Amino acid sequence: MIKFNLLIFVLWIIYFQNVTALDLPVGIYCNERNCYDVLNVTRESSVKDIVKAYRNLARIHHPDKHIDEEAKKDAELRFLEISTAYDVLKEEESRKDYDYMLDNPDEMYKHYWRYYRRKVKVDVRIVLIVTISIISLFQYYGALSKYNEVISYFLTVPKYRIKAQEIAKSEGLLQSSNPSLKRKNRSKTKDQIKREEELILRKIIEEKMNIKGSCSKPTIYDILWIQLVFLPYTIYKYVVFYLSWYYKFNICKQEYGDEEKLYIIRKNLGLSEGEFNQLEDDEKEYYLSLQLWKKDKFTQWKREEEERNKAKLAESSQHKRYRRWMKKGGPGQITFDPSD
């Protein structure tokens, strides 16, 4: 599936590609106004004519020429517009870029790139490369940090810790199950042995236990740079999958296999692929036996589940206390408890 940030990137491209050709880029040059019109000159006017037009307009619209506050504010805006137009047209290179924009209004990216390259004196491509690289680094190390936190948490959960210890003992990786290892560790302190055994258990949880639904170790394919490189291929796979699905099951009316049924069930449950893979095989078989890939069956099952959950809550003493508390006013109630 296409990642959320890739989807945003694609929508961003579509947005700029669909900008009307008659619209001038907003935020650059003279915004939606034509710089030549602002100075009352034409594209055939010489630099001398542009300088002369600017000076005449600047004398008329300079804020110091006005006493009334409102007129002064209007003059400031007009003067800023005139100065901007003059800055664009007075230099040959800047004027050349502006003329190119007028002749090719549909090339939105190129206009922004030309403008900001000249404005900040830095190639916008370099800025984009650096920005994407920084995002990719933060993205990778953020995901790696989260992954390490999850593994550390699983080490504290009895279910996973006991299972990891059983695997380690069966493979002779712990001192208690391996006499030769005990002899090797004679020179080590108890803290050193404990740390080594923790690392062994951690590695077993990472490599030999099913925790991918909770969090998977990040790879280079999870960072923005690689996702952007593979974006065309990702879109291709996405399109091929749905076209193939439509052809097989909508046109040819083929029966769903177990894989397709589980895919629909996962979508109905609103689970990600990782979360669904974390489910036990028995639970998946149970969902298949209920035929939850069928919309009506799933709707009925969901309604029954909601009713069962409501019944459980109604019987819960904690929930009853919560309801009584809410009836009395909830967070806004005034109490006279001495402990308050």
C-alpha atoms as a PDB file:
ATOM      1  CA  MET A   1       0.000   0.000   0.000  1.00  0.00           C
ATOM      2  CA  ILE A   2       1.086   3.548  -0.658  1.00  0.00           C
ATOM      3  CA  LYS A   3       2.364   5.249   2.495  1.00  0.00           C
ATOM      4  CA  PHE A   4       0.562   8.313   3.766  1.00  0.00           C
ATOM      5  CA  ASN A   5       3.449  10.663   3.003  1.00  0.00           C
ATOM      6  CA  LEU A   6       3.672   9.291  -0.558  1.00  0.00           C
ATOM      7  CA  LEU A   7      -0.052   9.895  -0.991  1.00  0.00           C
ATOM      8  CA  ILE A   8       0.392  13.508   0.143  1.00  0.00           C
ATOM      9  CA  PHE A   9       3.264  13.881  -2.330  1.00  0.00           C
ATOM     10  CA  VAL A  10       1.131  12.578  -5.204  1.00  0.00           C
ATOM     11  CA  LEU A  11      -1.796  14.853  -4.274  1.00  0.00           C
ATOM     12  CA  TRP A  12       0.610  17.773  -4.132  1.00  0.00           C
ATOM     13  CA  ILE A  13       1.785  17.010  -7.700  1.00  0.00           C
ATOM     14  CA  ILE A  14      -1.794  16.633  -8.950  1.00  0.00           C
ATOM     15  CA  TYR A  15      -2.765  19.948  -7.366  1.00  0.00           C
ATOM     16  CA  PHE A  16      -0.032  21.905  -9.119  1.00  0.00           C
ATOM     17  CA  GLN A  17      -0.565  20.088 -12.415  1.00  0.00           C
ATOM     18  CA  ASN A  18      -4.237  21.138 -12.345  1.00  0.00           C
ATOM     19  CA  VAL A  19      -3.603  24.835 -11.727  1.00  0.00           C
ATOM     20  CA  THR A  20      -5.304  26.766 -14.518  1.00  0.00           C
ATOM     21  CA  ALA A  21      -2.882  27.871 -17.200  1.00  0.00           C
ATOM     22  CA  LEU A  22      -4.283  31.404 -17.102  1.00  0.00           C
ATOM     23  CA  ASP A  23      -3.442  31.854 -13.397  1.00  0.00           C
ATOM     24  CA  LEU A  24      -0.143  33.456 -12.456  1.00  0.00           C
ATOM     25  CA  PRO A  25       1.819  31.795  -9.638  1.00  0.00           C
ATOM     26  CA  VAL A  26       0.884  33.247  -6.270  1.00  0.00           C
ATOM     27  CA  GLY A  27       3.635  34.525  -3.975  1.00  0.00           C
ATOM     28  CA  ILE A  28       6.234  35.283  -6.648  1.00  0.00           C
ATOM     29  CA  TYR A  29       6.934  38.318  -8.825  1.00  0.00           C
ATOM     30  CA  CYS A  30       3.832  40.568  -8.790  1.00  0.00           C
ATOM     31  CA  ASN A  31       1.434  37.839  -7.649  1.00  0.00           C
ATOM     32  CA  GLU A  32      -1.691  37.836  -9.822  1.00  0.00           C
ATOM     33  CA  ARG A  33      -0.909  41.177 -11.477  1.00  0.00           C
ATOM     34  CA  ASN A  34       1.234  41.658 -14.552  1.00  0.00           C
ATOM     35  CA  CYS A  35       4.448  43.527 -13.647  1.00  0.00           C
ATOM     36  CA  TYR A  36       4.392  45.436 -16.956  1.00  0.00           C
ATOM     37  CA  ASP A  37       0.858  46.652 -16.236  1.00  0.00           C
ATOM     38  CA  VAL A  38       1.882  47.761 -12.741  1.00  0.00           C
ATOM     39  CA  LEU A  39       4.498  50.150 -14.259  1.00  0.00           C
ATOM     40  CA  ASN A  40       2.293  51.044 -17.271  1.00  0.00           C
ATOM     41  CA  VAL A  41       4.930  49.761 -19.716  1.00  0.00           C
ATOM     42  CA  THR A  42       4.988  47.005 -22.354  1.00  0.00           C
ATOM     43  CA  ARG A  43       7.240  44.020 -23.007  1.00  0.00           C
ATOM     44  CA  GLU A  44       8.898  46.009 -25.773  1.00  0.00           C
ATOM     45  CA  SER A  45       9.869  48.842 -23.379  1.00  0.00           C
ATOM     46  CA  SER A  46      13.586  49.397 -22.811  1.00  0.00           C
ATOM     47  CA  VAL A  47      15.282  49.410 -19.416  1.00  0.00           C
ATOM     48  CA  LYS A  48      15.460  53.206 -19.734  1.00  0.00           C
ATOM     49  CA  ASP A  49      11.669  53.403 -20.192  1.00  0.00           C
ATOM     50  CA  ILE A  50      11.128  51.096 -17.173  1.00  0.00           C
ATOM     51  CA  VAL A  51      13.386  53.237 -14.933  1.00  0.00           C
ATOM     52  CA  LYS A  52      11.584  56.384 -16.055  1.00  0.00           C
ATOM     53  CA  ALA A  53       8.127  54.847 -15.437  1.00  0.00           C
ATOM     54  CA  TYR A  54       9.203  53.648 -11.982  1.00  0.00           C
ATOM     55  CA  ARG A  55      10.501  57.091 -10.939  1.00  0.00           C
ATOM     56  CA  ASN A  56       7.331  58.847 -12.098  1.00  0.00           C
ATOM     57  CA  LEU A  57       5.055  56.416 -10.256  1.00  0.00           C
ATOM     58  CA  ALA A  58       7.283  56.404  -7.153  1.00  0.00           C
ATOM     59  CA  ARG A  59       7.037  60.188  -6.887  1.00  0.00           C
ATOM     60  CA  ILE A  60       3.238  60.044  -7.082  1.00  0.00           C
ATOM     61  CA  HIS A  61       2.681  57.092  -4.741  1.00  0.00           C
ATOM     62  CA  HIS A  62       5.451  57.534  -2.206  1.00  0.00           C
ATOM     63  CA  PRO A  63       3.918  57.303   1.317  1.00  0.00           C
ATOM     64  CA  ASP A  64       5.626  60.576   2.383  1.00  0.00           C
ATOM     65  CA  LYS A  65       3.521  62.443  -0.188  1.00  0.00           C
ATOM     66  CA  HIS A  66       0.351  61.661   1.797  1.00  0.00           C
ATOM     67  CA  ILE A  67      -0.783  63.075   5.137  1.00  0.00           C
ATOM     68  CA  ASP A  68      -4.068  61.205   5.724  1.00  0.00           C
ATOM     69  CA  GLU A  69      -3.433  57.873   7.489  1.00  0.00           C
ATOM     70  CA  GLU A  70      -5.741  55.844   5.254  1.00  0.00           C
ATOM     71  CA  ALA A  71      -4.293  57.378   2.100  1.00  0.00           C
ATOM     72  CA  LYS A  72      -0.798  56.725   3.480  1.00  0.00           C
ATOM     73  CA  LYS A  73      -1.561  53.019   3.974  1.00  0.00           C
ATOM     74  CA  ASP A  74      -2.939  52.707   0.434  1.00  0.00           C
ATOM     75  CA  ALA A  75       0.126  54.509  -0.890  1.00  0.00           C
ATOM     76  CA  GLU A  76       2.434  52.107   0.976  1.00  0.00           C
ATOM     77  CA  LEU A  77       0.766  49.097  -0.653  1.00  0.00           C
ATOM     78  CA  ARG A  78       0.860  50.721  -4.072  1.00  0.00           C
ATOM     79  CA  PHE A  79       4.490  51.775  -3.618  1.00  0.00           C
ATOM     80  CA  LEU A  80       5.459  48.246  -2.567  1.00  0.00           C
ATOM     81  CA  GLU A  81       3.771  46.862  -5.679  1.00  0.00           C
ATOM     82  CA  ILE A  82       5.594  49.368  -7.904  1.00  0.00           C
ATOM     83  CA  SER A  83       8.965  48.620  -6.258  1.00  0.00           C
ATOM     84  CA  THR A  84       8.421  44.852  -6.672  1.00  0.00           C
ATOM     85  CA  ALA A  85       7.589  45.242 -10.365  1.00  0.00           C
ATOM     86  CA  TYR A  86      10.663  47.431 -10.844  1.00  0.00           C
ATOM     87  CA  ASP A  87      12.923  44.865  -9.114  1.00  0.00           C
ATOM     88  CA  VAL A  88      11.617  42.166 -11.457  1.00  0.00           C
ATOM     89  CA  LEU A  89      12.003  44.153 -14.683  1.00  0.00           C
ATOM     90  CA  LYS A  90      15.138  46.253 -14.112  1.00  0.00           C
ATOM     91  CA  GLU A  91      17.571  43.317 -14.430  1.00  0.00           C
ATOM     92  CA  GLU A  92      17.918  41.405 -17.668  1.00  0.00           C
ATOM     93  CA  GLU A  93      18.036  37.890 -16.140  1.00  0.00           C
ATOM     94  CA  SER A  94      15.083  38.458 -13.816  1.00  0.00           C
ATOM     95  CA  ARG A  95      13.058  39.997 -16.656  1.00  0.00           C
ATOM     96  CA  LYS A  96      13.949  37.047 -18.892  1.00  0.00           C
ATOM     97  CA  ASP A  97      12.620  34.576 -16.257  1.00  0.00           C
ATOM     98  CA  TYR A  98       9.452  36.632 -15.887  1.00  0.00           C
ATOM     99  CA  ASP A  99       8.855  36.753 -19.650  1.00  0.00           C
ATOM    100  CA  TYR A 100       9.336  32.983 -19.778  1.00  0.00           C
ATOM    101  CA  MET A 101       6.617  32.601 -17.131  1.00  0.00           C
ATOM    102  CA  LEU A 102       4.217  34.787 -19.142  1.00  0.00           C
ATOM    103  CA  ASP A 103       4.866  32.703 -22.251  1.00  0.00           C
ATOM    104  CA  ASN A 104       4.652  29.351 -20.445  1.00  0.00           C
ATOM    105  CA  PRO A 105       2.111  29.751 -17.628  1.00  0.00           C
ATOM    106  CA  ASP A 106       1.558  25.981 -17.291  1.00  0.00           C
ATOM    107  CA  GLU A 107       5.138  25.193 -16.181  1.00  0.00           C
ATOM    108  CA  MET A 108       4.451  25.889 -12.521  1.00  0.00           C
ATOM    109  CA  TYR A 109       7.412  24.041 -10.997  1.00  0.00           C
ATOM    110  CA  LYS A 110       9.946  25.705 -13.242  1.00  0.00           C
ATOM    111  CA  HIS A 111       8.646  29.188 -12.415  1.00  0.00           C
ATOM    112  CA  TYR A 112       8.902  28.666  -8.659  1.00  0.00           C
ATOM    113  CA  TRP A 113      12.329  27.092  -9.069  1.00  0.00           C
ATOM    114  CA  ARG A 114      13.644  29.990 -11.216  1.00  0.00           C
ATOM    115  CA  TYR A 115      12.231  32.604  -8.856  1.00  0.00           C
ATOM    116  CA  TYR A 116      13.518  31.152  -5.585  1.00  0.00           C
ATOM    117  CA  ARG A 117      16.886  30.216  -7.069  1.00  0.00           C
ATOM    118  CA  ARG A 118      17.424  33.868  -7.933  1.00  0.00           C
ATOM    119  CA  LYS A 119      15.820  35.164  -4.745  1.00  0.00           C
ATOM    120  CA  VAL A 120      17.736  33.128  -2.180  1.00  0.00           C
ATOM    121  CA  LYS A 121      20.820  32.605  -4.363  1.00  0.00           C
ATOM    122  CA  VAL A 122      20.598  28.845  -3.715  1.00  0.00           C
ATOM    123  CA  ASP A 123      19.587  26.089  -6.113  1.00  0.00           C
ATOM    124  CA  VAL A 124      16.144  24.934  -4.962  1.00  0.00           C
ATOM    125  CA  ARG A 125      17.058  21.390  -5.976  1.00  0.00           C
ATOM    126  CA  ILE A 126      19.808  21.367  -3.360  1.00  0.00           C
ATOM    127  CA  VAL A 127      17.341  22.610  -0.738  1.00  0.00           C
ATOM    128  CA  LEU A 128      14.906  19.818  -1.669  1.00  0.00           C
ATOM    129  CA  ILE A 129      17.638  17.159  -1.563  1.00  0.00           C
ATOM    130  CA  VAL A 130      18.847  18.327   1.861  1.00  0.00           C
ATOM    131  CA  THR A 131      15.271  18.588   3.208  1.00  0.00           C
ATOM    132  CA  ILE A 132      14.285  15.084   2.030  1.00  0.00           C
ATOM    133  CA  SER A 133      17.568  13.685   3.407  1.00  0.00           C
ATOM    134  CA  ILE A 134      16.956  15.229   6.845  1.00  0.00           C
ATOM    135  CA  ILE A 135      13.348  13.940   6.889  1.00  0.00           C
ATOM    136  CA  SER A 136      14.597  10.471   5.901  1.00  0.00           C
ATOM    137  CA  LEU A 137      17.160  10.422   8.719  1.00  0.00           C
ATOM    138  CA  PHE A 138      14.635  11.530  11.340  1.00  0.00           C
ATOM    139  CA  GLN A 139      12.125   9.049   9.932  1.00  0.00           C
ATOM    140  CA  TYR A 140      14.548   6.111  10.153  1.00  0.00           C
ATOM    141  CA  TYR A 141      15.970   6.846  13.591  1.00  0.00           C
ATOM    142  CA  GLY A 142      12.519   7.674  14.946  1.00  0.00           C
ATOM    143  CA  ALA A 143      11.196   4.297  13.741  1.00  0.00           C
ATOM    144  CA  LEU A 144      14.312   2.531  15.094  1.00  0.00           C
ATOM    145  CA  SER A 145      13.845   4.170  18.503  1.00  0.00           C
ATOM    146  CA  LYS A 146      10.187   3.100  18.577  1.00  0.00           C
ATOM    147  CA  TYR A 147      11.167  -0.446  17.598  1.00  0.00           C
ATOM    148  CA  ASN A 148      13.737  -0.665  20.422  1.00  0.00           C
ATOM    149  CA  GLU A 149      11.122   0.587  22.901  1.00  0.00           C
ATOM    150  CA  VAL A 150       8.685  -2.126  21.772  1.00  0.00           C
ATOM    151  CA  ILE A 151      11.318  -4.888  22.128  1.00  0.00           C
ATOM    152  CA  SER A 152      12.233  -3.593  25.603  1.00  0.00           C
ATOM    153  CA  TYR A 153       8.551  -3.698  26.525  1.00  0.00           C
ATOM    154  CA  PHE A 154       8.157  -7.297  25.294  1.00  0.00           C
ATOM    155  CA  LEU A 155      11.071  -8.296  27.516  1.00  0.00           C
ATOM    156  CA  THR A 156       8.960  -7.253  30.512  1.00  0.00           C
ATOM    157  CA  VAL A 157       5.831  -9.166  29.378  1.00  0.00           C
ATOM    158  CA  PRO A 158       5.782 -12.616  31.062  1.00  0.00           C
ATOM    159  CA  LYS A 159       4.226 -14.346  28.039  1.00  0.00           C
ATOM    160  CA  TYR A 160       7.063 -13.335  25.694  1.00  0.00           C
ATOM    161  CA  ARG A 161       9.880 -13.450  28.251  1.00  0.00           C
ATOM    162  CA  ILE A 162       9.049 -17.017  29.381  1.00  0.00           C
ATOM    163  CA  LYS A 163       8.745 -18.170  25.755  1.00  0.00           C
ATOM    164  CA  ALA A 164      12.121 -16.560  24.899  1.00  0.00           C
ATOM    165  CA  GLN A 165      13.722 -18.232  27.932  1.00  0.00           C
ATOM    166  CA  GLU A 166      12.369 -21.635  26.848  1.00  0.00           C
ATOM    167  CA  ILE A 167      13.837 -21.172  23.358  1.00  0.00           C
ATOM    168  CA  ALA A 168      17.178 -20.011  24.794  1.00  0.00           C
ATOM    169  CA  LYS A 169      17.354 -23.018  27.161  1.00  0.00           C
ATOM    170  CA  SER A 170      16.473 -25.469  24.404  1.00  0.00           C
ATOM    171  CA  GLU A 171      19.320 -24.067  22.297  1.00  0.00           C
ATOM    172  CA  GLY A 172      21.759 -24.043  25.217  1.00  0.00           C
ATOM    173  CA  LEU A 173      22.201 -20.277  25.155  1.00  0.00           C
ATOM    174  CA  LEU A 174      21.674 -19.747  28.900  1.00  0.00           C
ATOM    175  CA  GLN A 175      24.106 -20.651  31.641  1.00  0.00           C
ATOM    176  CA  SER A 176      21.463 -22.591  33.602  1.00  0.00           C
ATOM    177  CA  SER A 177      21.010 -25.075  30.722  1.00  0.00           C
ATOM    178  CA  ASN A 178      24.590 -25.264  29.466  1.00  0.00           C
ATOM    179  CA  PRO A 179      27.368 -26.441  31.859  1.00  0.00           C
ATOM    180  CA  SER A 180      30.150 -25.570  29.387  1.00  0.00           C
ATOM    181  CA  LEU A 181      28.826 -22.024  29.206  1.00  0.00           C
ATOM    182  CA  LYS A 182      28.856 -21.886  32.992  1.00  0.00           C
ATOM    183  CA  ARG A 183      32.574 -22.748  33.042  1.00  0.00           C
ATOM    184  CA  LYS A 184      33.315 -20.062  30.427  1.00  0.00           C
ATOM    185  CA  ASN A 185      31.526 -17.402  32.478  1.00  0.00           C
ATOM    186  CA  ARG A 186      33.485 -18.023  35.682  1.00  0.00           C
ATOM    187  CA  SER A 187      35.567 -14.891  35.186  1.00  0.00           C
ATOM    188  CA  LYS A 188      32.481 -12.704  34.576  1.00  0.00           C
ATOM    189  CA  THR A 189      30.455 -10.905  37.204  1.00  0.00           C
ATOM    190  CA  LYS A 190      26.760 -11.588  37.788  1.00  0.00           C
ATOM    191  CA  ASP A 191      25.856  -8.223  36.201  1.00  0.00           C
ATOM    192  CA  GLN A 192      27.838  -9.055  33.046  1.00  0.00           C
ATOM    193  CA  ILE A 193      26.162 -12.465  32.745  1.00  0.00           C
ATOM    194  CA  LYS A 194      22.744 -10.901  33.319  1.00  0.00           C
ATOM    195  CA  ARG A 195      23.330  -8.273  30.604  1.00  0.00           C
ATOM    196  CA  GLU A 196      24.480 -10.945  28.128  1.00  0.00           C
ATOM    197  CA  GLU A 197      21.422 -13.085  28.848  1.00  0.00           C
ATOM    198  CA  GLU A 198      19.139 -10.062  28.377  1.00  0.00           C
ATOM    199  CA  LEU A 199      20.712  -9.467  24.963  1.00  0.00           C
ATOM    200  CA  ILE A 200      20.165 -13.144  24.074  1.00  0.00           C
ATOM    201  CA  LEU A 201      16.476 -12.952  25.064  1.00  0.00           C
ATOM    202  CA  ARG A 202      16.114  -9.691  23.153  1.00  0.00           C
ATOM    203  CA  LYS A 203      17.582 -11.256  20.010  1.00  0.00           C
ATOM    204  CA  ILE A 204      15.257 -14.281  20.298  1.00  0.00           C
ATOM    205  CA  ILE A 205      12.202 -12.015  20.620  1.00  0.00           C
ATOM    206  CA  GLU A 206      13.341 -10.032  17.566  1.00  0.00           C
ATOM    207  CA  GLU A 207      14.210 -12.978  15.310  1.00  0.00           C
ATOM    208  CA  LYS A 208      12.149 -15.971  16.453  1.00  0.00           C
ATOM    209  CA  MET A 209       8.871 -14.596  17.761  1.00  0.00           C
ATOM    210  CA  ASN A 210       5.921 -13.124  15.891  1.00  0.00           C
ATOM    211  CA  ILE A 211       5.862  -9.449  16.872  1.00  0.00           C
ATOM    212  CA  LYS A 212       5.660  -7.836  13.425  1.00  0.00           C
ATOM    213  CA  GLY A 213       2.089  -6.778  13.964  1.00  0.00           C
ATOM    214  CA  SER A 214       3.195  -4.611  16.872  1.00  0.00           C
ATOM    215  CA  CYS A 215       6.269  -3.079  15.319  1.00  0.00           C
ATOM    216  CA  SER A 216       8.789  -4.190  12.724  1.00  0.00           C
ATOM    217  CA  LYS A 217      12.422  -3.198  12.504  1.00  0.00           C
ATOM    218  CA  PRO A 218      12.797  -0.293  10.049  1.00  0.00           C
ATOM    219  CA  THR A 219      14.634  -0.867   6.791  1.00  0.00           C
ATOM    220  CA  ILE A 220      15.899   1.513   4.119  1.00  0.00           C
ATOM    221  CA  TYR A 221      12.658   0.871   2.238  1.00  0.00           C
ATOM    222  CA  ASP A 222      10.751   2.687   4.989  1.00  0.00           C
ATOM    223  CA  ILE A 223      12.471   6.044   4.487  1.00  0.00           C
ATOM    224  CA  LEU A 224      11.132   8.842   2.310  1.00  0.00           C
ATOM    225  CA  TRP A 225      14.051   8.891  -0.171  1.00  0.00           C
ATOM    226  CA  ILE A 226      13.630   5.224  -1.106  1.00  0.00           C
ATOM    227  CA  GLN A 227       9.837   5.560  -1.170  1.00  0.00           C
ATOM    228  CA  LEU A 228      10.115   8.452  -3.622  1.00  0.00           C
ATOM    229  CA  VAL A 229      12.540   6.490  -5.830  1.00  0.00           C
ATOM    230  CA  PHE A 230      10.155   3.518  -5.902  1.00  0.00           C
ATOM    231  CA  LEU A 231       7.012   5.658  -6.147  1.00  0.00           C
ATOM    232  CA  PRO A 232       6.343   4.857  -9.845  1.00  0.00           C
ATOM    233  CA  TYR A 233       6.731   1.131  -9.136  1.00  0.00           C
ATOM    234  CA  THR A 234       4.517   1.369  -6.031  1.00  0.00           C
ATOM    235  CA  ILE A 235       1.785   3.119  -8.020  1.00  0.00           C
ATOM    236  CA  TYR A 236       2.166   0.521 -10.788  1.00  0.00           C
ATOM    237  CA  LYS A 237       1.708  -2.350  -8.291  1.00  0.00           C
ATOM    238  CA  TYR A 238      -1.258  -0.591  -6.710  1.00  0.00           C
ATOM    239  CA  VAL A 239      -2.995  -0.101 -10.087  1.00  0.00           C
ATOM    240  CA  VAL A 240      -2.206  -3.631 -11.320  1.00  0.00           C
ATOM    241  CA  PHE A 241      -3.545  -5.155  -8.080  1.00  0.00           C
ATOM    242  CA  TYR A 242      -6.895  -3.361  -8.275  1.00  0.00           C
ATOM    243  CA  LEU A 243      -7.293  -3.862 -12.026  1.00  0.00           C
ATOM    244  CA  SER A 244      -6.545  -7.568 -11.592  1.00  0.00           C
ATOM    245  CA  TRP A 245      -8.987  -7.757  -8.681  1.00  0.00           C
ATOM    246  CA  TYR A 246     -11.720  -6.015 -10.690  1.00  0.00           C
ATOM    247  CA  TYR A 247     -11.153  -8.264 -13.718  1.00  0.00           C
ATOM    248  CA  LYS A 248     -11.131 -11.525 -11.728  1.00  0.00           C
ATOM    249  CA  PHE A 249     -13.970 -10.933  -9.309  1.00  0.00           C
ATOM    250  CA  ASN A 250     -16.161  -8.268 -10.948  1.00  0.00           C
ATOM    251  CA  ILE A 251     -15.950  -9.184 -14.622  1.00  0.00           C
ATOM    252  CA  CYS A 252     -15.070 -12.897 -14.595  1.00  0.00           C
ATOM    253  CA  LYS A 253     -17.065 -13.487 -11.371  1.00  0.00           C
ATOM    254  CA  GLN A 254     -14.435 -15.864  -9.929  1.00  0.00           C
ATOM    255  CA  GLU A 255     -14.853 -17.250  -6.415  1.00  0.00           C
ATOM    256  CA  TYR A 256     -12.698 -15.753  -3.671  1.00  0.00           C
ATOM    257  CA  GLY A 257      -9.824 -17.888  -2.386  1.00  0.00           C
ATOM    258  CA  ASP A 258      -8.808 -17.916   1.303  1.00  0.00           C
ATOM    259  CA  GLU A 259      -6.188 -15.233   0.658  1.00  0.00           C
ATOM    260  CA  GLU A 260      -8.737 -12.894  -0.937  1.00  0.00           C
ATOM    261  CA  LYS A 261     -11.294 -13.619   1.792  1.00  0.00           C
ATOM    262  CA  LEU A 262      -8.765 -12.762   4.518  1.00  0.00           C
ATOM    263  CA  TYR A 263      -7.851  -9.566   2.657  1.00  0.00           C
ATOM    264  CA  ILE A 264     -11.504  -8.439   2.618  1.00  0.00           C
ATOM    265  CA  ILE A 265     -11.924  -9.418   6.282  1.00  0.00           C
ATOM    266  CA  ARG A 266      -8.850  -7.345   7.201  1.00  0.00           C
ATOM    267  CA  LYS A 267     -10.289  -4.358   5.341  1.00  0.00           C
ATOM    268  CA  ASN A 268     -13.672  -4.803   7.051  1.00  0.00           C
ATOM    269  CA  LEU A 269     -11.981  -4.941  10.467  1.00  0.00           C
ATOM    270  CA  GLY A 270     -10.004  -1.804   9.654  1.00  0.00           C
ATOM    271  CA  LEU A 271      -6.663  -3.451  10.517  1.00  0.00           C
ATOM    272  CA  SER A 272      -3.295  -2.805   8.910  1.00  0.00           C
ATOM    273  CA  GLU A 273      -1.446  -5.720   7.326  1.00  0.00           C
ATOM    274  CA  GLY A 274       0.941  -5.903  10.306  1.00  0.00           C
ATOM    275  CA  GLU A 275      -1.879  -5.859  12.859  1.00  0.00           C
ATOM    276  CA  PHE A 276      -3.775  -8.580  10.998  1.00  0.00           C
ATOM    277  CA  ASN A 277      -0.669 -10.781  10.712  1.00  0.00           C
ATOM    278  CA  GLN A 278      -0.304 -10.547  14.485  1.00  0.00           C
ATOM    279  CA  LEU A 279      -3.613 -12.390  14.949  1.00  0.00           C
ATOM    280  CA  GLU A 280      -3.466 -16.101  15.797  1.00  0.00           C
ATOM    281  CA  ASP A 281      -4.300 -18.577  13.017  1.00  0.00           C
ATOM    282  CA  ASP A 282      -7.247 -19.861  15.072  1.00  0.00           C
ATOM    283  CA  GLU A 283      -8.738 -16.367  15.178  1.00  0.00           C
ATOM    284  CA  LYS A 284      -8.373 -15.992  11.404  1.00  0.00           C
ATOM    285  CA  GLU A 285     -10.018 -19.384  10.891  1.00  0.00           C
ATOM    286  CA  TYR A 286     -12.838 -18.253  13.176  1.00  0.00           C
ATOM    287  CA  TYR A 287     -13.399 -15.153  11.041  1.00  0.00           C
ATOM    288  CA  LEU A 288     -13.417 -17.320   7.910  1.00  0.00           C
ATOM    289  CA  SER A 289     -15.963 -19.701   9.466  1.00  0.00           C
ATOM    290  CA  LEU A 290     -18.240 -16.696  10.137  1.00  0.00           C
ATOM    291  CA  GLN A 291     -17.884 -15.633   6.472  1.00  0.00           C
ATOM    292  CA  LEU A 292     -16.945 -12.097   7.502  1.00  0.00           C
ATOM    293  CA  TRP A 293     -15.812 -11.263   3.963  1.00  0.00           C
ATOM    294  CA  LYS A 294     -19.512 -10.917   3.146  1.00  0.00           C
ATOM    295  CA  LYS A 295     -20.798  -7.455   3.947  1.00  0.00           C
ATOM    296  CA  ASP A 296     -24.104  -8.541   5.484  1.00  0.00           C
ATOM    297  CA  LYS A 297     -22.409 -11.208   7.647  1.00  0.00           C
ATOM    298  CA  PHE A 298     -19.798  -8.723   8.844  1.00  0.00           C
ATOM    299  CA  THR A 299     -22.418  -6.054   9.635  1.00  0.00           C
ATOM    300  CA  GLN A 300     -24.445  -8.560  11.655  1.00  0.00           C
ATOM    301  CA  TRP A 301     -21.340  -9.830  13.512  1.00  0.00           C
ATOM    302  CA  LYS A 302     -20.187  -6.292  14.283  1.00  0.00           C
ATOM    303  CA  ARG A 303     -23.616  -5.383  15.672  1.00  0.00           C
ATOM    304  CA  GLU A 304     -23.602  -8.492  17.885  1.00  0.00           C
ATOM    305  CA  GLU A 305     -20.066  -7.694  19.099  1.00  0.00           C
ATOM    306  CA  GLU A 306     -21.111  -4.183  20.025  1.00  0.00           C
ATOM    307  CA  GLU A 307     -24.102  -5.549  21.963  1.00  0.00           C
ATOM    308  CA  ARG A 308     -21.864  -8.028  23.807  1.00  0.00           C
ATOM    309  CA  ASN A 309     -19.408  -5.264  24.691  1.00  0.00           C
ATOM    310  CA  LYS A 310     -22.243  -3.079  25.980  1.00  0.00           C
ATOM    311  CA  ALA A 311     -23.494  -5.968  28.126  1.00  0.00           C
ATOM    312  CA  LYS A 312     -20.008  -6.496  29.563  1.00  0.00           C
ATOM    313  CA  LEU A 313     -19.709  -2.807  30.367  1.00  0.00           C
ATOM    314  CA  ALA A 314     -23.130  -2.803  32.012  1.00  0.00           C
ATOM    315  CA  GLU A 315     -22.003  -5.626  34.313  1.00  0.00           C
ATOM    316  CA  SER A 316     -18.689  -3.968  35.112  1.00  0.00           C
ATOM    317  CA  SER A 317     -18.611  -2.398  38.591  1.00  0.00           C
ATOM    318  CA  GLN A 318     -16.003   0.099  37.427  1.00  0.00           C
ATOM    319  CA  HIS A 319     -18.219   1.220  34.556  1.00  0.00           C
ATOM    320  CA  LYS A 320     -21.190   1.536  36.938  1.00  0.00           C
ATOM    321  CA  ARG A 321     -19.156   3.839  39.190  1.00  0.00           C
ATOM    322  CA  TYR A 322     -18.156   5.864  36.150  1.00  0.00           C
ATOM    323  CA  ARG A 323     -21.800   6.278  35.049  1.00  0.00           C
ATOM    324  CA  ARG A 324     -22.876   7.354  38.542  1.00  0.00           C
ATOM    325  CA  TRP A 325     -20.032   9.863  38.591  1.00  0.00           C
ATOM    326  CA  MET A 326     -21.070  11.263  35.184  1.00  0.00           C
ATOM    327  CA  LYS A 327     -24.728  11.553  36.315  1.00  0.00           C
ATOM    328  CA  LYS A 328     -23.588  13.648  39.262  1.00  0.00           C
ATOM    329  CA  GLY A 329     -21.842  16.104  36.971  1.00  0.00           C
ATOM    330  CA  GLY A 330     -18.660  14.387  35.883  1.00  0.00           C
ATOM    331  CA  PRO A 331     -15.462  16.518  35.832  1.00  0.00           C
ATOM    332  CA  GLY A 332     -17.438  19.707  36.612  1.00  0.00           C
ATOM    333  CA  GLN A 333     -19.158  18.483  39.781  1.00  0.00           C
ATOM    334  CA  ILE A 334     -18.546  20.201  43.133  1.00  0.00           C
ATOM    335  CA  THR A 335     -17.702  17.915  46.037  1.00  0.00           C
ATOM    336  CA  PHE A 336     -17.160  18.545  49.732  1.00  0.00           C
ATOM    337  CA  ASP A 337     -14.796  15.650  50.316  1.00  0.00           C
ATOM    338  CA  PRO A 338     -12.189  16.686  52.941  1.00  0.00           C
ATOM    339  CA  SER A 339      -9.503  15.113  50.740  1.00  0.00           C
ATOM    340  CA  ASP A 340     -10.202  17.621  47.929  1.00  0.00           C
END
